[in-house]
Amino acid sequence: MDLSVHPDHRGRGYAHRLLNHVTSEMARLGMKRFCGETRAANAVMRKVFEDCGYRLNRIEEGYFENPPGSACKYVLEIA
């Protein structure tokens, strides 16, 4: 699944709310482990993941091709 906010609506907390809602709904269905990724250069989305409780699991160099870039892989585990 992709999560994005239209540029005209960024900076209003929608990404936080969307990610928290999706995580909550999936947890309600019994899921306990959630993974997400974003470009290493996307500082805003990295902060969203971290603010929502996800931890940086690893960085994969050269993950993206067009344009080239590394990926930050995040994980959230619910006990």
N, C-alpha and C. Protein backbone atom coordinates (compact mmCIF):
# COMPACT_ATOMS: atom_id res chain seq x y z
N MET A 1 0.85 -1.16 0.00
CA MET A 1 0.00 0.00 0.00
C MET A 1 0.90 1.23 0.00
N ASP A 2 0.48 2.23 -0.73
CA ASP A 2 1.19 3.51 -0.74
C ASP A 2 0.40 4.51 0.08
N LEU A 3 1.12 5.39 0.72
CA LEU A 3 0.51 6.46 1.49
C LEU A 3 1.11 7.76 1.00
N SER A 4 0.26 8.67 0.57
CA SER A 4 0.77 9.97 0.14
C SER A 4 -0.29 11.03 0.41
N VAL A 5 0.17 12.26 0.52
CA VAL A 5 -0.71 13.40 0.74
C VAL A 5 -0.46 14.37 -0.41
N HIS A 6 -1.52 14.83 -1.01
CA HIS A 6 -1.41 15.78 -2.12
C HIS A 6 -0.62 17.01 -1.66
N PRO A 7 0.27 17.52 -2.50
CA PRO A 7 1.11 18.67 -2.12
C PRO A 7 0.31 19.87 -1.59
N ASP A 8 -0.89 20.07 -2.08
CA ASP A 8 -1.70 21.20 -1.60
C ASP A 8 -2.16 21.03 -0.16
N HIS A 9 -2.04 19.81 0.38
CA HIS A 9 -2.57 19.53 1.72
C HIS A 9 -1.49 19.07 2.70
N ARG A 10 -0.25 19.22 2.33
CA ARG A 10 0.84 18.80 3.22
C ARG A 10 1.02 19.78 4.36
N GLY A 11 1.64 19.30 5.43
CA GLY A 11 1.91 20.15 6.58
C GLY A 11 0.73 20.31 7.52
N ARG A 12 -0.29 19.48 7.36
CA ARG A 12 -1.50 19.57 8.19
C ARG A 12 -1.69 18.34 9.09
N GLY A 13 -0.71 17.45 9.11
CA GLY A 13 -0.79 16.27 9.96
C GLY A 13 -1.55 15.10 9.36
N TYR A 14 -1.91 15.21 8.08
CA TYR A 14 -2.68 14.12 7.45
C TYR A 14 -1.90 12.82 7.36
N ALA A 15 -0.61 12.88 7.07
CA ALA A 15 0.19 11.65 6.97
C ALA A 15 0.23 10.93 8.31
N HIS A 16 0.40 11.67 9.40
CA HIS A 16 0.37 11.06 10.72
C HIS A 16 -0.97 10.38 10.98
N ARG A 17 -2.04 11.08 10.67
CA ARG A 17 -3.37 10.54 10.92
C ARG A 17 -3.64 9.31 10.04
N LEU A 18 -3.24 9.37 8.78
CA LEU A 18 -3.44 8.23 7.88
C LEU A 18 -2.65 7.00 8.35
N LEU A 19 -1.38 7.20 8.68
CA LEU A 19 -0.55 6.08 9.10
C LEU A 19 -1.06 5.49 10.41
N ASN A 20 -1.43 6.33 11.35
CA ASN A 20 -1.98 5.83 12.61
C ASN A 20 -3.29 5.10 12.40
N HIS A 21 -4.13 5.60 11.51
CA HIS A 21 -5.42 4.94 11.24
C HIS A 21 -5.20 3.56 10.61
N VAL A 22 -4.35 3.50 9.61
CA VAL A 22 -4.08 2.22 8.94
C VAL A 22 -3.49 1.22 9.94
N THR A 23 -2.54 1.67 10.74
CA THR A 23 -1.92 0.79 11.73
C THR A 23 -2.96 0.30 12.73
N SER A 24 -3.81 1.19 13.19
CA SER A 24 -4.86 0.84 14.15
C SER A 24 -5.83 -0.19 13.56
N GLU A 25 -6.25 0.04 12.33
CA GLU A 25 -7.19 -0.88 11.67
C GLU A 25 -6.56 -2.26 11.47
N MET A 26 -5.32 -2.29 11.05
CA MET A 26 -4.66 -3.58 10.84
C MET A 26 -4.44 -4.30 12.17
N ALA A 27 -4.11 -3.54 13.23
CA ALA A 27 -3.95 -4.15 14.55
C ALA A 27 -5.28 -4.71 15.03
N ARG A 28 -6.37 -4.01 14.75
CA ARG A 28 -7.71 -4.49 15.12
C ARG A 28 -8.01 -5.83 14.46
N LEU A 29 -7.44 -6.05 13.28
CA LEU A 29 -7.63 -7.30 12.55
C LEU A 29 -6.64 -8.38 12.99
N GLY A 30 -5.80 -8.06 13.97
CA GLY A 30 -4.89 -9.05 14.53
C GLY A 30 -3.45 -8.97 14.07
N MET A 31 -3.13 -8.01 13.23
CA MET A 31 -1.75 -7.89 12.78
C MET A 31 -0.91 -7.29 13.90
N LYS A 32 0.33 -7.76 14.01
CA LYS A 32 1.20 -7.34 15.10
C LYS A 32 2.50 -6.69 14.63
N ARG A 33 2.83 -6.84 13.35
CA ARG A 33 4.10 -6.31 12.84
C ARG A 33 3.82 -5.54 11.56
N PHE A 34 4.32 -4.32 11.52
CA PHE A 34 4.08 -3.43 10.39
C PHE A 34 5.40 -2.93 9.85
N CYS A 35 5.54 -2.91 8.54
CA CYS A 35 6.76 -2.46 7.90
C CYS A 35 6.43 -1.33 6.93
N GLY A 36 7.34 -0.41 6.80
CA GLY A 36 7.18 0.69 5.86
C GLY A 36 8.53 1.14 5.36
N GLU A 37 8.51 1.85 4.26
CA GLU A 37 9.76 2.35 3.70
C GLU A 37 9.54 3.70 3.06
N THR A 38 10.60 4.45 3.00
CA THR A 38 10.59 5.73 2.31
C THR A 38 12.01 6.02 1.83
N ARG A 39 12.10 6.95 0.93
CA ARG A 39 13.43 7.35 0.47
C ARG A 39 14.21 7.95 1.64
N ALA A 40 15.50 7.66 1.69
CA ALA A 40 16.35 8.22 2.74
C ALA A 40 16.32 9.75 2.70
N ALA A 41 16.14 10.30 1.51
CA ALA A 41 16.13 11.76 1.35
C ALA A 41 14.80 12.38 1.81
N ASN A 42 13.78 11.57 2.09
CA ASN A 42 12.47 12.09 2.47
C ASN A 42 12.40 12.26 3.99
N ALA A 43 13.00 13.34 4.47
CA ALA A 43 13.08 13.60 5.91
C ALA A 43 11.70 13.74 6.54
N VAL A 44 10.76 14.30 5.80
CA VAL A 44 9.41 14.50 6.35
C VAL A 44 8.75 13.16 6.65
N MET A 45 8.79 12.23 5.70
CA MET A 45 8.14 10.93 5.92
C MET A 45 8.91 10.11 6.95
N ARG A 46 10.21 10.27 7.00
CA ARG A 46 10.98 9.58 8.03
C ARG A 46 10.51 10.01 9.42
N LYS A 47 10.26 11.31 9.56
CA LYS A 47 9.77 11.84 10.85
C LYS A 47 8.37 11.31 11.14
N VAL A 48 7.53 11.20 10.12
CA VAL A 48 6.18 10.66 10.32
C VAL A 48 6.28 9.23 10.87
N PHE A 49 7.09 8.39 10.24
CA PHE A 49 7.26 7.02 10.74
C PHE A 49 7.70 7.03 12.19
N GLU A 50 8.72 7.82 12.50
CA GLU A 50 9.26 7.84 13.86
C GLU A 50 8.25 8.40 14.85
N ASP A 51 7.52 9.44 14.47
CA ASP A 51 6.50 10.01 15.35
C ASP A 51 5.39 9.01 15.64
N CYS A 52 5.13 8.11 14.70
CA CYS A 52 4.06 7.11 14.84
C CYS A 52 4.55 5.82 15.51
N GLY A 53 5.78 5.83 16.03
CA GLY A 53 6.29 4.69 16.78
C GLY A 53 7.10 3.68 16.01
N TYR A 54 7.27 3.89 14.72
CA TYR A 54 8.08 2.98 13.91
C TYR A 54 9.55 3.23 14.23
N ARG A 55 10.34 2.17 14.17
CA ARG A 55 11.79 2.33 14.38
C ARG A 55 12.52 1.99 13.09
N LEU A 56 13.61 2.68 12.87
CA LEU A 56 14.42 2.42 11.68
C LEU A 56 15.07 1.05 11.84
N ASN A 57 14.79 0.16 10.91
CA ASN A 57 15.31 -1.20 10.94
C ASN A 57 16.62 -1.29 10.17
N ARG A 58 16.63 -0.68 8.98
CA ARG A 58 17.85 -0.72 8.16
C ARG A 58 17.74 0.30 7.02
N ILE A 59 18.88 0.58 6.43
CA ILE A 59 18.94 1.43 5.25
C ILE A 59 19.48 0.58 4.11
N GLU A 60 18.76 0.55 3.00
CA GLU A 60 19.21 -0.21 1.83
C GLU A 60 19.73 0.76 0.79
N GLU A 61 21.02 0.71 0.57
CA GLU A 61 21.67 1.58 -0.41
C GLU A 61 21.24 1.18 -1.82
N GLY A 62 21.04 2.16 -2.68
CA GLY A 62 20.72 1.90 -4.08
C GLY A 62 19.39 1.20 -4.30
N TYR A 63 18.46 1.34 -3.40
CA TYR A 63 17.18 0.63 -3.48
C TYR A 63 16.30 1.16 -4.61
N PHE A 64 16.24 2.48 -4.75
CA PHE A 64 15.41 3.10 -5.78
C PHE A 64 16.23 3.36 -7.04
N GLU A 65 15.57 3.27 -8.20
CA GLU A 65 16.27 3.43 -9.47
C GLU A 65 16.01 4.77 -10.15
N ASN A 66 14.79 5.26 -10.13
CA ASN A 66 14.47 6.44 -10.94
C ASN A 66 13.68 7.46 -10.13
N PRO A 67 14.30 8.44 -9.54
CA PRO A 67 15.74 8.68 -9.47
C PRO A 67 16.40 7.75 -8.45
N PRO A 68 17.68 7.54 -8.61
CA PRO A 68 18.39 6.64 -7.71
C PRO A 68 18.37 7.15 -6.27
N GLY A 69 18.35 6.22 -5.34
CA GLY A 69 18.39 6.61 -3.94
C GLY A 69 18.29 5.41 -3.02
N SER A 70 18.60 5.66 -1.77
CA SER A 70 18.54 4.63 -0.74
C SER A 70 17.17 4.64 -0.09
N ALA A 71 16.82 3.51 0.53
CA ALA A 71 15.54 3.39 1.23
C ALA A 71 15.78 3.20 2.72
N CYS A 72 14.95 3.84 3.52
CA CYS A 72 14.92 3.62 4.95
C CYS A 72 13.76 2.68 5.23
N LYS A 73 14.05 1.55 5.84
CA LYS A 73 13.05 0.53 6.14
C LYS A 73 12.69 0.63 7.63
N TYR A 74 11.40 0.80 7.90
CA TYR A 74 10.90 0.98 9.26
C TYR A 74 10.04 -0.20 9.68
N VAL A 75 10.00 -0.44 11.00
CA VAL A 75 9.21 -1.53 11.57
C VAL A 75 8.52 -1.04 12.83
N LEU A 76 7.28 -1.49 13.01
CA LEU A 76 6.53 -1.27 14.25
C LEU A 76 6.02 -2.62 14.69
N GLU A 77 6.33 -3.02 15.93
CA GLU A 77 5.84 -4.27 16.46
C GLU A 77 4.96 -3.99 17.66
N ILE A 78 3.78 -4.60 17.68
CA ILE A 78 2.83 -4.43 18.78
C ILE A 78 2.82 -5.71 19.59
N ALA A 79 3.04 -5.58 20.88
CA ALA A 79 3.09 -6.76 21.76
C ALA A 79 1.72 -7.35 21.98
